[in-house]
Amino acid sequence: MKFSAIILVALFLGACDDEEKPTVFTTPQISTHPPFQGTIFLDPDIITAEDPTSFESLTPAGQASRVMFDRRLDGWITVDAYLFNVTFDDGLVTEVQVNPEFKTSALAQVQAEKYAIEIGRLPTSLRKDVETVWIHQGIQPFGGGNNNILIHIGQSDLYESDGILEETLVHEASHTSLDATHANAPGWVNAQEEDQTFISTYARDYPTREDIAETFLMYLAVKHRSDRISGSLKETITNTIPHRIKYLDNQTWNLYPLK
């Protein structure tokens, strides 16, 4: 009797196993792994040396004491810098400060004019807080913030050989002119949370310091330079950070002289 009962139970369970199981639907998971390591390297044509510049004039202003940051020393230096006053045709002005290691005002002016022209290719909204530009020799990364753009010309040579000098300047100017307003803004923080990931591991590792700068270049690419990037790159960007793109699209940007 006990054996028969066991057989009946086994047959019943077997019958249940043969029945069609209900379908269980799950929500697709968004990949939280950033698709890129850094964004300045992704496409050299977002802004190029053939694009228009807002640079208008450069006037030598002699030499005077200035405090500058030098990455070669990882610290601040006070030098008798060569000074140049730069005007842009949208009304913005900048003082370019060149390390006296360039030896003569004429050689310093070559560097000052070169980078003033390149910075002039950036949108007005990225130049609005760039009050000074520091130029040094050496192979060290560029820098942004401090109402400034920091340039080491040895590193610039490397950026130029890869075609990404302008993209790098977009990144640094984003630090200078956008971080203070947007990096901790509630709308931006909410967009970060809704996207559930970052566009790059650099942004992920430094979400407050680097996310705006890493993202804004990609925003320019998909919203204002989509004809210059591949379809696959555009798709990856828009699928990875849609809420950040929406946040940036809802801001008021002066993108002159971009066409």
Protein backbone atom coordinates (compact mmCIF):
# COMPACT_ATOMS: atom_id res chain seq x y z
CA MET A 1 0.00 0.00 0.00
CA LYS A 2 2.78 2.37 0.93
CA PHE A 3 4.66 1.37 -2.26
CA SER A 4 1.53 2.00 -4.40
CA ALA A 5 1.11 5.42 -2.85
CA ILE A 6 4.69 6.28 -3.69
CA ILE A 7 4.15 5.20 -7.29
CA LEU A 8 1.01 7.33 -7.54
CA VAL A 9 2.80 10.36 -6.17
CA ALA A 10 5.69 9.85 -8.59
CA LEU A 11 3.28 9.51 -11.52
CA PHE A 12 1.48 12.68 -10.44
CA LEU A 13 4.71 14.67 -10.18
CA GLY A 14 5.83 13.34 -13.53
CA ALA A 15 2.57 14.42 -15.09
CA CYS A 16 3.05 17.91 -13.63
CA ASP A 17 6.58 18.07 -15.06
CA ASP A 18 5.20 17.32 -18.50
CA GLU A 19 2.73 20.19 -18.35
CA GLU A 20 3.58 23.43 -20.15
CA LYS A 21 5.32 25.88 -17.82
CA PRO A 22 4.07 29.48 -17.68
CA THR A 23 6.28 31.93 -19.59
CA VAL A 24 8.27 34.23 -17.33
CA PHE A 25 9.08 37.66 -18.83
CA THR A 26 12.12 39.57 -17.56
CA THR A 27 13.16 43.17 -18.18
CA PRO A 28 16.26 43.40 -20.39
CA GLN A 29 19.25 44.50 -18.37
CA ILE A 30 21.18 47.60 -19.40
CA SER A 31 24.91 46.95 -19.62
CA THR A 32 26.63 48.88 -16.87
CA HIS A 33 30.07 48.48 -18.43
CA PRO A 34 31.11 51.68 -20.23
CA PRO A 35 31.70 51.11 -23.97
CA PHE A 36 34.86 53.24 -24.14
CA GLN A 37 37.95 54.00 -22.06
CA GLY A 38 37.94 57.69 -22.99
CA THR A 39 36.05 59.79 -25.52
CA ILE A 40 38.65 62.17 -27.00
CA PHE A 41 40.13 59.27 -29.00
CA LEU A 42 36.93 58.10 -30.71
CA ASP A 43 36.74 60.28 -33.82
CA PRO A 44 39.16 62.94 -35.11
CA ASP A 45 36.55 64.71 -37.25
CA ILE A 46 34.13 66.09 -34.68
CA ILE A 47 36.01 69.40 -34.95
CA THR A 48 38.96 69.77 -37.30
CA ALA A 49 41.60 72.33 -38.28
CA GLU A 50 39.53 73.07 -41.38
CA ASP A 51 36.53 74.25 -39.34
CA PRO A 52 35.93 77.99 -38.84
CA THR A 53 37.43 79.81 -35.88
CA SER A 54 36.14 82.77 -33.91
CA PHE A 55 39.71 83.99 -33.37
CA GLU A 56 39.94 87.66 -34.29
CA SER A 57 43.22 89.15 -33.07
CA LEU A 58 46.25 88.65 -30.85
CA THR A 59 48.19 91.55 -29.33
CA PRO A 60 51.53 91.18 -27.49
CA ALA A 61 51.36 92.65 -23.97
CA GLY A 62 54.98 92.31 -22.85
CA GLN A 63 56.15 90.22 -19.91
CA ALA A 64 54.85 90.17 -16.35
CA SER A 65 54.72 87.90 -13.33
CA ARG A 66 52.07 85.20 -13.56
CA VAL A 67 51.25 82.12 -11.49
CA MET A 68 50.82 79.06 -13.73
CA PHE A 69 50.38 75.34 -13.18
CA ASP A 70 53.08 73.15 -14.70
CA ARG A 71 52.38 69.41 -14.87
CA ARG A 72 56.07 68.63 -15.28
CA LEU A 73 56.51 69.80 -11.70
CA ASP A 74 53.00 68.84 -10.63
CA GLY A 75 52.72 72.23 -9.01
CA TRP A 76 52.37 75.98 -9.29
CA ILE A 77 55.14 78.20 -10.59
CA THR A 78 55.57 81.97 -10.71
CA VAL A 79 57.29 83.16 -13.89
CA ASP A 80 57.83 86.28 -15.93
CA ALA A 81 55.49 85.09 -18.66
CA TYR A 82 55.12 86.37 -22.19
CA LEU A 83 51.60 87.79 -22.40
CA PHE A 84 49.21 88.08 -25.32
CA ASN A 85 45.69 89.52 -25.38
CA VAL A 86 43.36 87.52 -27.60
CA THR A 87 39.98 88.65 -28.85
CA PHE A 88 37.32 86.49 -30.47
CA ASP A 89 34.68 87.79 -32.82
CA ASP A 90 31.86 86.85 -30.44
CA GLY A 91 33.16 89.37 -27.88
CA LEU A 92 35.09 86.99 -25.62
CA VAL A 93 38.66 87.81 -24.59
CA THR A 94 41.49 85.69 -23.16
CA GLU A 95 45.00 86.31 -21.89
CA VAL A 96 47.50 83.77 -23.19
CA GLN A 97 50.45 83.30 -20.83
CA VAL A 98 53.52 81.62 -22.32
CA ASN A 99 56.34 80.18 -20.21
CA PRO A 100 59.55 82.25 -20.66
CA GLU A 101 61.37 78.99 -21.50
CA PHE A 102 60.44 79.80 -25.11
CA LYS A 103 63.22 82.44 -24.87
CA THR A 104 61.83 85.19 -27.12
CA SER A 105 58.55 87.01 -27.52
CA ALA A 106 58.48 86.09 -31.21
CA LEU A 107 58.70 82.35 -30.49
CA ALA A 108 56.15 82.67 -27.72
CA GLN A 109 53.81 84.51 -30.07
CA VAL A 110 53.92 81.63 -32.56
CA GLN A 111 52.60 79.30 -29.86
CA ALA A 112 50.06 81.80 -28.52
CA GLU A 113 48.55 82.43 -31.94
CA LYS A 114 48.46 78.75 -32.86
CA TYR A 115 46.40 77.78 -29.83
CA ALA A 116 44.25 80.92 -29.87
CA ILE A 117 43.13 79.95 -33.37
CA GLU A 118 42.42 76.38 -32.26
CA ILE A 119 40.55 77.44 -29.14
CA GLY A 120 38.52 79.77 -31.35
CA ARG A 121 37.06 76.69 -33.07
CA LEU A 122 35.31 75.76 -29.81
CA PRO A 123 31.72 76.84 -29.19
CA THR A 124 31.16 80.11 -27.35
CA SER A 125 29.59 78.19 -24.47
CA LEU A 126 32.87 76.35 -23.93
CA ARG A 127 35.04 79.50 -24.13
CA LYS A 128 32.93 81.76 -21.93
CA ASP A 129 34.96 81.07 -18.76
CA VAL A 130 38.37 80.63 -20.38
CA GLU A 131 40.03 83.75 -19.00
CA THR A 132 43.61 82.54 -19.42
CA VAL A 133 45.61 79.96 -21.35
CA TRP A 134 48.91 78.56 -20.03
CA ILE A 135 51.45 77.27 -22.54
CA HIS A 136 54.52 75.22 -21.58
CA GLN A 137 56.93 72.88 -23.28
CA GLY A 138 56.95 69.20 -22.34
CA ILE A 139 54.90 66.07 -22.83
CA GLN A 140 52.18 66.26 -20.21
CA PRO A 141 48.38 66.05 -20.44
CA PHE A 142 46.34 69.18 -21.11
CA GLY A 143 44.18 70.51 -18.29
CA GLY A 144 40.98 72.46 -17.72
CA GLY A 145 39.41 74.35 -14.85
CA ASN A 146 40.68 77.40 -12.96
CA ASN A 147 39.09 79.58 -15.70
CA ASN A 148 41.95 78.30 -17.81
CA ILE A 149 43.17 75.82 -20.40
CA LEU A 150 46.61 74.28 -19.74
CA ILE A 151 48.69 73.25 -22.76
CA HIS A 152 51.98 71.36 -22.99
CA ILE A 153 53.15 71.56 -26.59
CA GLY A 154 54.95 68.19 -26.62
CA GLN A 155 51.66 66.52 -25.73
CA SER A 156 49.93 68.67 -28.32
CA ASP A 157 52.18 67.18 -30.99
CA LEU A 158 50.91 63.74 -30.02
CA TYR A 159 47.28 64.86 -30.07
CA GLU A 160 47.79 66.46 -33.47
CA SER A 161 49.37 63.32 -34.91
CA ASP A 162 46.21 61.45 -33.91
CA GLY A 163 43.98 64.25 -35.22
CA ILE A 164 42.39 64.88 -31.82
CA LEU A 165 43.77 68.26 -30.74
CA GLU A 166 40.38 69.96 -31.14
CA GLU A 167 38.54 67.10 -29.40
CA THR A 168 40.96 67.38 -26.48
CA LEU A 169 40.36 71.13 -26.25
CA VAL A 170 36.59 70.49 -26.16
CA HIS A 171 37.15 68.17 -23.21
CA GLU A 172 39.30 70.65 -21.29
CA ALA A 173 37.10 73.65 -22.03
CA SER A 174 34.11 71.63 -20.80
CA HIS A 175 35.87 71.39 -17.45
CA THR A 176 36.47 75.12 -17.47
CA SER A 177 33.06 76.38 -18.54
CA LEU A 178 30.56 73.61 -17.71
CA ASP A 179 31.63 71.68 -14.60
CA ALA A 180 30.76 74.38 -12.07
CA THR A 181 27.18 74.65 -13.33
CA HIS A 182 26.39 71.09 -14.34
CA ALA A 183 28.59 68.45 -12.68
CA ASN A 184 26.56 68.45 -9.46
CA ALA A 185 23.28 69.77 -10.83
CA PRO A 186 20.27 67.70 -9.67
CA GLY A 187 19.16 67.16 -13.27
CA TRP A 188 22.58 65.86 -14.27
CA VAL A 189 22.85 63.56 -11.25
CA ASN A 190 19.39 62.21 -12.02
CA ALA A 191 20.41 61.58 -15.64
CA GLN A 192 23.47 59.66 -14.44
CA GLU A 193 21.25 57.47 -12.27
CA GLU A 194 18.72 56.86 -15.03
CA ASP A 195 21.37 55.92 -17.58
CA GLN A 196 22.79 53.37 -15.10
CA THR A 197 26.20 53.55 -16.77
CA PHE A 198 28.83 55.93 -18.14
CA ILE A 199 30.12 56.64 -21.62
CA SER A 200 33.69 55.77 -20.56
CA THR A 201 35.60 54.11 -17.77
CA TYR A 202 37.30 57.48 -17.19
CA ALA A 203 33.91 59.07 -16.50
CA ARG A 204 32.87 56.11 -14.35
CA ASP A 205 36.00 56.25 -12.23
CA TYR A 206 35.67 60.02 -11.70
CA PRO A 207 31.92 60.66 -12.01
CA THR A 208 31.91 64.18 -10.59
CA ARG A 209 35.19 65.34 -12.12
CA GLU A 210 35.13 63.79 -15.60
CA ASP A 211 31.59 62.83 -16.62
CA ILE A 212 30.59 66.22 -18.02
CA ALA A 213 33.78 66.61 -20.06
CA GLU A 214 33.68 63.01 -21.32
CA THR A 215 30.02 63.35 -22.26
CA PHE A 216 29.82 66.81 -23.84
CA LEU A 217 32.10 65.89 -26.74
CA MET A 218 29.85 62.91 -27.45
CA TYR A 219 26.79 65.15 -27.25
CA LEU A 220 28.31 67.43 -29.88
CA ALA A 221 29.07 64.40 -32.01
CA VAL A 222 25.56 62.92 -32.05
CA LYS A 223 23.53 66.13 -32.04
CA HIS A 224 25.65 68.47 -34.15
CA ARG A 225 28.21 66.36 -36.02
CA SER A 226 26.29 63.16 -36.76
CA ASP A 227 27.30 63.38 -40.43
CA ARG A 228 30.96 63.09 -39.36
CA ILE A 229 30.74 59.98 -37.20
CA SER A 230 29.86 56.40 -37.99
CA GLY A 231 26.36 55.08 -37.52
CA SER A 232 27.63 52.49 -35.05
CA LEU A 233 29.33 55.13 -32.91
CA LYS A 234 26.18 57.27 -32.90
CA GLU A 235 24.07 54.26 -31.91
CA THR A 236 26.41 53.30 -29.08
CA ILE A 237 26.42 56.84 -27.66
CA THR A 238 22.66 57.33 -27.86
CA ASN A 239 21.93 53.91 -26.38
CA THR A 240 24.42 54.32 -23.54
CA ILE A 241 23.63 57.82 -22.25
CA PRO A 242 20.15 58.83 -23.53
CA HIS A 243 19.19 60.71 -20.37
CA ARG A 244 22.41 62.72 -20.31
CA ILE A 245 21.89 63.65 -23.96
CA LYS A 246 18.36 64.75 -23.13
CA TYR A 247 19.65 66.82 -20.20
CA LEU A 248 22.23 68.56 -22.41
CA ASP A 249 19.67 69.06 -25.18
CA ASN A 250 17.43 70.88 -22.72
CA GLN A 251 20.12 73.47 -21.96
CA THR A 252 20.72 76.65 -23.93
CA TRP A 253 24.03 76.42 -25.80
CA ASN A 254 25.74 79.01 -27.94
CA LEU A 255 27.60 76.75 -30.37
CA TYR A 256 29.07 79.46 -32.59
CA PRO A 257 31.21 79.05 -34.72
CA LEU A 258 30.10 75.45 -35.22
CA LYS A 259 27.91 75.10 -38.29
